[in-house]
Amino acid sequence: MEKQTAWDYALGLIKIDGLTPTPEFLAMTEKEIRGEMTLSEIELSLSKKYKMKGDKVVGQLLKQ
């Protein structure tokens, strides 16, 4: 599957849940599509920013 198509599909699933990805996350997806960032780098960036604390995520990945 083409990167753009895969991200369109993934972002569509997020929107079905009534959520909106942050501009920062969308910028990372664009960088991944252009080959400027890997999925591993996205995962690392997000895991540094949004830490799990018990049952709660500290930080906000998606706007509700």
C-alpha atoms as a PDB file:
ATOM      1  CA  MET A   1       0.000   0.000   0.000  1.00  0.00           C
ATOM      2  CA  GLU A   2       1.259   3.475  -0.841  1.00  0.00           C
ATOM      3  CA  LYS A   3       2.246   5.636   2.163  1.00  0.00           C
ATOM      4  CA  GLN A   4      -0.249   8.412   1.369  1.00  0.00           C
ATOM      5  CA  THR A   5      -3.074   5.881   1.009  1.00  0.00           C
ATOM      6  CA  ALA A   6      -2.113   4.159   4.264  1.00  0.00           C
ATOM      7  CA  TRP A   7      -2.078   7.462   6.196  1.00  0.00           C
ATOM      8  CA  ASP A   8      -5.370   8.568   4.623  1.00  0.00           C
ATOM      9  CA  TYR A   9      -6.925   5.308   5.773  1.00  0.00           C
ATOM     10  CA  ALA A  10      -5.473   5.589   9.298  1.00  0.00           C
ATOM     11  CA  LEU A  11      -6.498   9.231   9.703  1.00  0.00           C
ATOM     12  CA  GLY A  12      -9.973   8.391   8.409  1.00  0.00           C
ATOM     13  CA  LEU A  13     -10.344   5.764  11.132  1.00  0.00           C
ATOM     14  CA  ILE A  14      -9.323   8.325  13.748  1.00  0.00           C
ATOM     15  CA  LYS A  15     -11.944  10.762  12.436  1.00  0.00           C
ATOM     16  CA  ILE A  16     -14.645   8.063  12.534  1.00  0.00           C
ATOM     17  CA  ASP A  17     -14.108   8.023  16.298  1.00  0.00           C
ATOM     18  CA  GLY A  18     -14.854  11.761  16.366  1.00  0.00           C
ATOM     19  CA  LEU A  19     -11.241  12.713  17.058  1.00  0.00           C
ATOM     20  CA  THR A  20      -8.957  15.170  15.281  1.00  0.00           C
ATOM     21  CA  PRO A  21      -5.199  14.578  15.005  1.00  0.00           C
ATOM     22  CA  THR A  22      -3.034  17.416  16.304  1.00  0.00           C
ATOM     23  CA  PRO A  23      -1.200  19.603  13.782  1.00  0.00           C
ATOM     24  CA  GLU A  24       2.080  18.199  15.158  1.00  0.00           C
ATOM     25  CA  PHE A  25       0.991  14.633  14.409  1.00  0.00           C
ATOM     26  CA  LEU A  26      -0.186  15.590  10.913  1.00  0.00           C
ATOM     27  CA  ALA A  27       3.185  17.246  10.251  1.00  0.00           C
ATOM     28  CA  MET A  28       4.936  14.014  11.251  1.00  0.00           C
ATOM     29  CA  THR A  29       2.743  11.976   8.906  1.00  0.00           C
ATOM     30  CA  GLU A  30       3.634  14.325   6.037  1.00  0.00           C
ATOM     31  CA  LYS A  31       7.341  13.946   6.837  1.00  0.00           C
ATOM     32  CA  GLU A  32       6.966  10.153   6.842  1.00  0.00           C
ATOM     33  CA  ILE A  33       5.225  10.247   3.458  1.00  0.00           C
ATOM     34  CA  ARG A  34       8.083  12.343   2.014  1.00  0.00           C
ATOM     35  CA  GLY A  35      10.676   9.993   3.525  1.00  0.00           C
ATOM     36  CA  GLU A  36      12.011  12.602   5.948  1.00  0.00           C
ATOM     37  CA  MET A  37      10.947  10.620   9.036  1.00  0.00           C
ATOM     38  CA  THR A  38      10.431   6.924   9.746  1.00  0.00           C
ATOM     39  CA  LEU A  39       7.560   5.268  11.578  1.00  0.00           C
ATOM     40  CA  SER A  40      10.035   4.378  14.324  1.00  0.00           C
ATOM     41  CA  GLU A  41      10.955   8.043  14.710  1.00  0.00           C
ATOM     42  CA  ILE A  42       7.279   8.996  14.922  1.00  0.00           C
ATOM     43  CA  GLU A  43       6.720   6.336  17.564  1.00  0.00           C
ATOM     44  CA  LEU A  44       9.745   7.483  19.567  1.00  0.00           C
ATOM     45  CA  SER A  45       8.693  11.131  19.357  1.00  0.00           C
ATOM     46  CA  LEU A  46       5.171  10.339  20.503  1.00  0.00           C
ATOM     47  CA  SER A  47       6.273   8.013  23.295  1.00  0.00           C
ATOM     48  CA  LYS A  48       8.570  10.730  24.669  1.00  0.00           C
ATOM     49  CA  LYS A  49       5.787  13.305  24.606  1.00  0.00           C
ATOM     50  CA  TYR A  50       2.843  11.183  25.727  1.00  0.00           C
ATOM     51  CA  LYS A  51       3.744   8.980  28.663  1.00  0.00           C
ATOM     52  CA  MET A  52       1.443   6.445  30.257  1.00  0.00           C
ATOM     53  CA  LYS A  53       0.788   7.022  33.931  1.00  0.00           C
ATOM     54  CA  GLY A  54      -1.296   4.184  35.282  1.00  0.00           C
ATOM     55  CA  ASP A  55      -4.439   4.078  33.153  1.00  0.00           C
ATOM     56  CA  LYS A  56      -4.056   7.667  31.925  1.00  0.00           C
ATOM     57  CA  VAL A  57      -2.021   9.191  29.123  1.00  0.00           C
ATOM     58  CA  VAL A  58      -0.163  12.320  30.162  1.00  0.00           C
ATOM     59  CA  GLY A  59      -0.333  14.771  27.247  1.00  0.00           C
ATOM     60  CA  GLN A  60      -2.788  15.043  24.397  1.00  0.00           C
ATOM     61  CA  LEU A  61      -2.342  13.204  21.102  1.00  0.00           C
ATOM     62  CA  LEU A  62      -5.842  13.733  19.750  1.00  0.00           C
ATOM     63  CA  LYS A  63      -8.263  16.607  20.242  1.00  0.00           C
ATOM     64  CA  GLN A  64     -11.762  15.504  21.156  1.00  0.00           C
END
